[in-house]
Amino acid sequence: MVLMIALSVTTAAARQAEGKKDEKCLDRISISRHDNPWRDMTKSSWQEEANENIAAVEINQGTYEMFPYLAAYQINGEMLLGKDKVKKRVVINSRYFSTLEKADATRLPAGTVKMVGKYLDTSFLLLSPRQIVRFLLDAQIITTYWHLESELCLTGEKDGKDAYVAAFTGVHRYCTNQCKTDSLEFTVTINRHTGNISVSGN
């Protein structure tokens, strides 16, 4: 089986921040509302609530459209995230993931754990835990901003026998009556035995 994922590919939602890389950051990630898969799908409260869950389905090219900025995330030509324009919903590939639930990393109090779902291939041969976390961030299943954008720093990671843990800090920008910048700090954990994915506030 050929893995067709290239995280080195530069996309609008998954590019490294410009300038010299901070030595304290193992990776820098920029996330923007312009690359939100749910754009124009949350115009009402019921739509917004319905899109909090991402159904796991068998994805095929005829029914679901690929998001261009997530084109790097493919396995054997299969997209991981697809868009059903008729039903106005975003779906995840059931070959690799269970149904997922969005996790808002900007609102998690310290010590609070939010379950996202499962990655099904616990051999992690097709995607590494770090690639899975990066995908969840770029796909905005783990939400890191309110209105505009976020800048994230991978400050540390631990890849043990039982779990992979990635720690992030960053800022997100939003505008209400005034435009503001708030900090955020969170950890993503993937259980190597069960494939369970969770986000916790720091």
C-alpha atoms as a PDB file:
ATOM      1  CA  MET A   1       0.000   0.000   0.000  1.00  0.00           C
ATOM      2  CA  VAL A   2       1.455   3.331  -1.068  1.00  0.00           C
ATOM      3  CA  LEU A   3       1.198   6.259   1.289  1.00  0.00           C
ATOM      4  CA  MET A   4       0.387   9.379  -0.695  1.00  0.00           C
ATOM      5  CA  ILE A   5       0.756  11.959   2.034  1.00  0.00           C
ATOM      6  CA  ALA A   6       3.360  14.682   1.816  1.00  0.00           C
ATOM      7  CA  LEU A   7       3.345  16.992   4.790  1.00  0.00           C
ATOM      8  CA  SER A   8       6.177  18.954   3.245  1.00  0.00           C
ATOM      9  CA  VAL A   9       3.766  20.211   0.583  1.00  0.00           C
ATOM     10  CA  THR A  10       2.964  23.864   1.211  1.00  0.00           C
ATOM     11  CA  THR A  11      -0.745  24.661   1.436  1.00  0.00           C
ATOM     12  CA  ALA A  12      -2.594  27.758   2.510  1.00  0.00           C
ATOM     13  CA  ALA A  13      -3.660  26.159   5.796  1.00  0.00           C
ATOM     14  CA  ALA A  14      -0.573  24.094   6.512  1.00  0.00           C
ATOM     15  CA  ARG A  15       2.426  26.283   5.809  1.00  0.00           C
ATOM     16  CA  GLN A  16       5.184  27.061   8.227  1.00  0.00           C
ATOM     17  CA  ALA A  17       5.163  30.595   9.538  1.00  0.00           C
ATOM     18  CA  GLU A  18       7.444  32.869   7.543  1.00  0.00           C
ATOM     19  CA  GLY A  19      10.789  33.897   8.938  1.00  0.00           C
ATOM     20  CA  LYS A  20      13.354  32.078  10.975  1.00  0.00           C
ATOM     21  CA  LYS A  21      11.996  29.067  12.800  1.00  0.00           C
ATOM     22  CA  ASP A  22      11.895  29.523  16.549  1.00  0.00           C
ATOM     23  CA  GLU A  23      14.326  27.065  18.118  1.00  0.00           C
ATOM     24  CA  LYS A  24      11.751  26.275  20.816  1.00  0.00           C
ATOM     25  CA  CYS A  25       9.238  25.140  18.207  1.00  0.00           C
ATOM     26  CA  LEU A  26       9.489  21.694  16.662  1.00  0.00           C
ATOM     27  CA  ASP A  27       6.941  22.869  14.117  1.00  0.00           C
ATOM     28  CA  ARG A  28       4.998  26.050  13.384  1.00  0.00           C
ATOM     29  CA  ILE A  29       1.519  25.888  11.919  1.00  0.00           C
ATOM     30  CA  SER A  30      -0.731  28.636  10.550  1.00  0.00           C
ATOM     31  CA  ILE A  31      -4.489  28.044  10.477  1.00  0.00           C
ATOM     32  CA  SER A  32      -6.933  30.404   8.717  1.00  0.00           C
ATOM     33  CA  ARG A  33     -10.690  30.738   8.424  1.00  0.00           C
ATOM     34  CA  HIS A  34     -10.206  30.933   4.640  1.00  0.00           C
ATOM     35  CA  ASP A  35      -9.370  27.223   4.713  1.00  0.00           C
ATOM     36  CA  ASN A  36     -12.215  26.209   6.996  1.00  0.00           C
ATOM     37  CA  PRO A  37     -13.916  23.098   5.532  1.00  0.00           C
ATOM     38  CA  TRP A  38     -17.205  24.266   7.093  1.00  0.00           C
ATOM     39  CA  ARG A  39     -17.320  27.663   5.408  1.00  0.00           C
ATOM     40  CA  ASP A  40     -20.893  28.486   4.362  1.00  0.00           C
ATOM     41  CA  MET A  41     -22.167  25.406   6.234  1.00  0.00           C
ATOM     42  CA  THR A  42     -22.888  27.014   9.594  1.00  0.00           C
ATOM     43  CA  LYS A  43     -25.254  29.833   8.685  1.00  0.00           C
ATOM     44  CA  SER A  44     -27.888  28.634  11.133  1.00  0.00           C
ATOM     45  CA  SER A  45     -27.767  27.208  14.647  1.00  0.00           C
ATOM     46  CA  TRP A  46     -28.979  23.769  13.518  1.00  0.00           C
ATOM     47  CA  GLN A  47     -26.321  23.624  10.775  1.00  0.00           C
ATOM     48  CA  GLU A  48     -23.630  24.619  13.233  1.00  0.00           C
ATOM     49  CA  GLU A  49     -24.749  21.978  15.714  1.00  0.00           C
ATOM     50  CA  ALA A  50     -25.005  19.305  12.997  1.00  0.00           C
ATOM     51  CA  ASN A  51     -21.468  20.027  11.843  1.00  0.00           C
ATOM     52  CA  GLU A  52     -19.969  19.476  15.290  1.00  0.00           C
ATOM     53  CA  ASN A  53     -19.919  15.765  14.434  1.00  0.00           C
ATOM     54  CA  ILE A  54     -18.075  14.474  11.375  1.00  0.00           C
ATOM     55  CA  ALA A  55     -19.679  11.266  10.131  1.00  0.00           C
ATOM     56  CA  ALA A  56     -17.394   8.404   9.107  1.00  0.00           C
ATOM     57  CA  VAL A  57     -18.438   7.194   5.658  1.00  0.00           C
ATOM     58  CA  GLU A  58     -17.018   5.346   2.680  1.00  0.00           C
ATOM     59  CA  ILE A  59     -15.630   8.175   0.599  1.00  0.00           C
ATOM     60  CA  ASN A  60     -15.616   8.069  -3.193  1.00  0.00           C
ATOM     61  CA  GLN A  61     -14.696  10.735  -5.700  1.00  0.00           C
ATOM     62  CA  GLY A  62     -18.142  10.739  -7.319  1.00  0.00           C
ATOM     63  CA  THR A  63     -20.068  11.797  -4.223  1.00  0.00           C
ATOM     64  CA  TYR A  64     -17.544  13.782  -2.222  1.00  0.00           C
ATOM     65  CA  GLU A  65     -15.256  16.619  -3.200  1.00  0.00           C
ATOM     66  CA  MET A  66     -11.682  17.007  -2.025  1.00  0.00           C
ATOM     67  CA  PHE A  67     -10.606  20.178  -0.255  1.00  0.00           C
ATOM     68  CA  PRO A  68      -7.684  21.505  -2.348  1.00  0.00           C
ATOM     69  CA  TYR A  69      -5.753  22.697   0.705  1.00  0.00           C
ATOM     70  CA  LEU A  70      -5.963  19.184   2.177  1.00  0.00           C
ATOM     71  CA  ALA A  71      -4.848  17.443  -1.017  1.00  0.00           C
ATOM     72  CA  ALA A  72      -1.619  16.314   0.654  1.00  0.00           C
ATOM     73  CA  TYR A  73      -3.640  14.120   2.999  1.00  0.00           C
ATOM     74  CA  GLN A  74      -4.335  11.074   0.851  1.00  0.00           C
ATOM     75  CA  ILE A  75      -3.684   7.370   1.243  1.00  0.00           C
ATOM     76  CA  ASN A  76      -3.648   5.362  -1.986  1.00  0.00           C
ATOM     77  CA  GLY A  77      -5.449   8.229  -3.673  1.00  0.00           C
ATOM     78  CA  GLU A  78      -8.220   8.272  -1.063  1.00  0.00           C
ATOM     79  CA  MET A  79      -8.984  11.589   0.578  1.00  0.00           C
ATOM     80  CA  LEU A  80      -9.296  11.630   4.349  1.00  0.00           C
ATOM     81  CA  LEU A  81     -11.831  14.456   4.518  1.00  0.00           C
ATOM     82  CA  GLY A  82     -14.552  15.053   1.932  1.00  0.00           C
ATOM     83  CA  LYS A  83     -17.351  17.516   1.247  1.00  0.00           C
ATOM     84  CA  ASP A  84     -20.900  16.594   0.314  1.00  0.00           C
ATOM     85  CA  LYS A  85     -22.168  19.761  -1.361  1.00  0.00           C
ATOM     86  CA  VAL A  86     -25.726  18.459  -1.770  1.00  0.00           C
ATOM     87  CA  LYS A  87     -26.226  17.620   1.912  1.00  0.00           C
ATOM     88  CA  LYS A  88     -23.860  20.393   3.004  1.00  0.00           C
ATOM     89  CA  ARG A  89     -21.785  18.277   5.319  1.00  0.00           C
ATOM     90  CA  VAL A  90     -18.170  17.321   5.833  1.00  0.00           C
ATOM     91  CA  VAL A  91     -17.311  13.641   6.270  1.00  0.00           C
ATOM     92  CA  ILE A  92     -14.287  11.615   7.348  1.00  0.00           C
ATOM     93  CA  ASN A  93     -12.994   8.461   5.655  1.00  0.00           C
ATOM     94  CA  SER A  94     -14.371   5.449   7.556  1.00  0.00           C
ATOM     95  CA  ARG A  95     -11.475   3.285   6.432  1.00  0.00           C
ATOM     96  CA  TYR A  96      -9.179   5.211   8.754  1.00  0.00           C
ATOM     97  CA  PHE A  97     -11.301   7.078  11.312  1.00  0.00           C
ATOM     98  CA  SER A  98     -14.384   6.633  13.446  1.00  0.00           C
ATOM     99  CA  THR A  99     -17.003   9.367  13.528  1.00  0.00           C
ATOM    100  CA  LEU A 100     -15.236  12.400  14.966  1.00  0.00           C
ATOM    101  CA  GLU A 101     -16.351  15.275  17.146  1.00  0.00           C
ATOM    102  CA  LYS A 102     -14.797  18.707  16.900  1.00  0.00           C
ATOM    103  CA  ALA A 103     -12.710  19.876  19.850  1.00  0.00           C
ATOM    104  CA  ASP A 104     -12.342  23.601  20.518  1.00  0.00           C
ATOM    105  CA  ALA A 105      -8.824  23.987  21.899  1.00  0.00           C
ATOM    106  CA  THR A 106      -9.410  27.704  22.582  1.00  0.00           C
ATOM    107  CA  ARG A 107     -12.055  27.027  25.240  1.00  0.00           C
ATOM    108  CA  LEU A 108     -10.692  24.024  27.121  1.00  0.00           C
ATOM    109  CA  PRO A 109      -9.926  24.823  30.777  1.00  0.00           C
ATOM    110  CA  ALA A 110      -6.686  23.398  32.158  1.00  0.00           C
ATOM    111  CA  GLY A 111      -7.106  19.716  32.944  1.00  0.00           C
ATOM    112  CA  THR A 112     -10.273  19.306  30.873  1.00  0.00           C
ATOM    113  CA  VAL A 113     -10.143  16.443  28.364  1.00  0.00           C
ATOM    114  CA  LYS A 114     -12.216  16.373  25.178  1.00  0.00           C
ATOM    115  CA  MET A 115     -12.532  13.128  23.194  1.00  0.00           C
ATOM    116  CA  VAL A 116     -12.325  13.530  19.414  1.00  0.00           C
ATOM    117  CA  GLY A 117     -12.696   9.955  18.161  1.00  0.00           C
ATOM    118  CA  LYS A 118     -10.520   7.088  16.957  1.00  0.00           C
ATOM    119  CA  TYR A 119      -7.849   6.461  14.367  1.00  0.00           C
ATOM    120  CA  LEU A 120      -8.529   2.887  13.278  1.00  0.00           C
ATOM    121  CA  ASP A 121      -5.152   1.658  12.009  1.00  0.00           C
ATOM    122  CA  THR A 122      -3.331   1.201  15.313  1.00  0.00           C
ATOM    123  CA  SER A 123      -0.264  -0.133  13.501  1.00  0.00           C
ATOM    124  CA  PHE A 124       0.318   3.543  12.550  1.00  0.00           C
ATOM    125  CA  LEU A 125       2.071   2.377   9.375  1.00  0.00           C
ATOM    126  CA  LEU A 126      -0.070   4.491   7.050  1.00  0.00           C
ATOM    127  CA  LEU A 127      -0.018   7.647   9.146  1.00  0.00           C
ATOM    128  CA  SER A 128       2.246   8.421  12.044  1.00  0.00           C
ATOM    129  CA  PRO A 129       0.711   9.931  15.183  1.00  0.00           C
ATOM    130  CA  ARG A 130       2.336  13.275  14.382  1.00  0.00           C
ATOM    131  CA  GLN A 131       0.811  13.242  10.880  1.00  0.00           C
ATOM    132  CA  ILE A 132      -2.611  12.446  12.341  1.00  0.00           C
ATOM    133  CA  VAL A 133      -2.392  15.391  14.742  1.00  0.00           C
ATOM    134  CA  ARG A 134      -1.245  17.691  11.949  1.00  0.00           C
ATOM    135  CA  PHE A 135      -4.153  16.563   9.787  1.00  0.00           C
ATOM    136  CA  LEU A 136      -6.686  17.189  12.576  1.00  0.00           C
ATOM    137  CA  LEU A 137      -5.314  20.703  13.021  1.00  0.00           C
ATOM    138  CA  ASP A 138      -5.138  21.541   9.307  1.00  0.00           C
ATOM    139  CA  ALA A 139      -8.627  20.107   8.774  1.00  0.00           C
ATOM    140  CA  GLN A 140      -9.815  22.229  11.722  1.00  0.00           C
ATOM    141  CA  ILE A 141     -11.377  19.259  13.461  1.00  0.00           C
ATOM    142  CA  ILE A 142      -9.314  20.476  16.399  1.00  0.00           C
ATOM    143  CA  THR A 143     -10.384  24.118  16.368  1.00  0.00           C
ATOM    144  CA  THR A 144      -7.731  26.682  17.273  1.00  0.00           C
ATOM    145  CA  TYR A 145      -9.385  30.055  16.588  1.00  0.00           C
ATOM    146  CA  TRP A 146     -12.760  31.787  16.916  1.00  0.00           C
ATOM    147  CA  HIS A 147     -13.069  34.104  13.923  1.00  0.00           C
ATOM    148  CA  LEU A 148      -9.874  34.780  12.005  1.00  0.00           C
ATOM    149  CA  GLU A 149      -6.747  32.651  12.384  1.00  0.00           C
ATOM    150  CA  SER A 150      -4.239  31.044  14.702  1.00  0.00           C
ATOM    151  CA  GLU A 151      -0.487  30.555  14.869  1.00  0.00           C
ATOM    152  CA  LEU A 152       0.601  27.361  16.624  1.00  0.00           C
ATOM    153  CA  CYS A 153       3.902  26.122  17.998  1.00  0.00           C
ATOM    154  CA  LEU A 154       4.595  22.456  18.647  1.00  0.00           C
ATOM    155  CA  THR A 155       6.610  22.860  21.838  1.00  0.00           C
ATOM    156  CA  GLY A 156       7.175  19.212  22.638  1.00  0.00           C
ATOM    157  CA  GLU A 157       6.184  15.660  21.880  1.00  0.00           C
ATOM    158  CA  LYS A 158       6.534  12.284  23.530  1.00  0.00           C
ATOM    159  CA  ASP A 159       6.134   9.128  21.486  1.00  0.00           C
ATOM    160  CA  GLY A 160       5.934   6.283  23.965  1.00  0.00           C
ATOM    161  CA  LYS A 161       4.862   2.656  23.853  1.00  0.00           C
ATOM    162  CA  ASP A 162       1.351   3.482  25.086  1.00  0.00           C
ATOM    163  CA  ALA A 163       0.657   6.947  23.718  1.00  0.00           C
ATOM    164  CA  TYR A 164       1.811   9.797  21.529  1.00  0.00           C
ATOM    165  CA  VAL A 165       1.500  13.224  23.164  1.00  0.00           C
ATOM    166  CA  ALA A 166       1.971  16.563  21.391  1.00  0.00           C
ATOM    167  CA  ALA A 167       1.981  19.866  23.296  1.00  0.00           C
ATOM    168  CA  PHE A 168       1.106  23.155  21.603  1.00  0.00           C
ATOM    169  CA  THR A 169       1.105  26.815  22.477  1.00  0.00           C
ATOM    170  CA  GLY A 170      -0.036  29.642  20.261  1.00  0.00           C
ATOM    171  CA  VAL A 171      -2.262  32.646  19.685  1.00  0.00           C
ATOM    172  CA  HIS A 172      -5.555  33.155  17.903  1.00  0.00           C
ATOM    173  CA  ARG A 173      -7.004  36.374  16.531  1.00  0.00           C
ATOM    174  CA  TYR A 174     -10.621  37.442  16.507  1.00  0.00           C
ATOM    175  CA  CYS A 175     -12.720  40.571  16.150  1.00  0.00           C
ATOM    176  CA  THR A 176     -15.849  41.584  18.031  1.00  0.00           C
ATOM    177  CA  ASN A 177     -16.132  45.291  18.790  1.00  0.00           C
ATOM    178  CA  GLN A 178     -12.345  45.302  18.699  1.00  0.00           C
ATOM    179  CA  CYS A 179      -9.767  42.994  17.197  1.00  0.00           C
ATOM    180  CA  LYS A 180      -7.882  41.004  19.828  1.00  0.00           C
ATOM    181  CA  THR A 181      -5.268  38.297  20.199  1.00  0.00           C
ATOM    182  CA  ASP A 182      -5.571  35.588  22.851  1.00  0.00           C
ATOM    183  CA  SER A 183      -3.141  32.858  23.797  1.00  0.00           C
ATOM    184  CA  LEU A 184      -3.929  29.158  23.816  1.00  0.00           C
ATOM    185  CA  GLU A 185      -2.190  26.080  25.170  1.00  0.00           C
ATOM    186  CA  PHE A 186      -3.291  22.493  24.701  1.00  0.00           C
ATOM    187  CA  THR A 187      -2.147  18.891  24.346  1.00  0.00           C
ATOM    188  CA  VAL A 188      -3.236  16.236  21.845  1.00  0.00           C
ATOM    189  CA  THR A 189      -2.928  12.572  22.883  1.00  0.00           C
ATOM    190  CA  ILE A 190      -3.303   9.454  20.735  1.00  0.00           C
ATOM    191  CA  ASN A 191      -3.550   6.119  22.526  1.00  0.00           C
ATOM    192  CA  ARG A 192      -1.390   3.649  20.608  1.00  0.00           C
ATOM    193  CA  HIS A 193      -3.468   0.647  21.709  1.00  0.00           C
ATOM    194  CA  THR A 194      -7.000   1.922  21.085  1.00  0.00           C
ATOM    195  CA  GLY A 195      -6.437   4.735  18.597  1.00  0.00           C
ATOM    196  CA  ASN A 196      -8.393   7.105  20.855  1.00  0.00           C
ATOM    197  CA  ILE A 197      -7.676  10.771  20.168  1.00  0.00           C
ATOM    198  CA  SER A 198      -8.176  13.421  22.844  1.00  0.00           C
ATOM    199  CA  VAL A 199      -7.416  17.096  23.426  1.00  0.00           C
ATOM    200  CA  SER A 200      -6.748  18.560  26.858  1.00  0.00           C
ATOM    201  CA  GLY A 201      -6.366  22.114  28.077  1.00  0.00           C
ATOM    202  CA  ASN A 202      -3.081  23.125  29.727  1.00  0.00           C
END
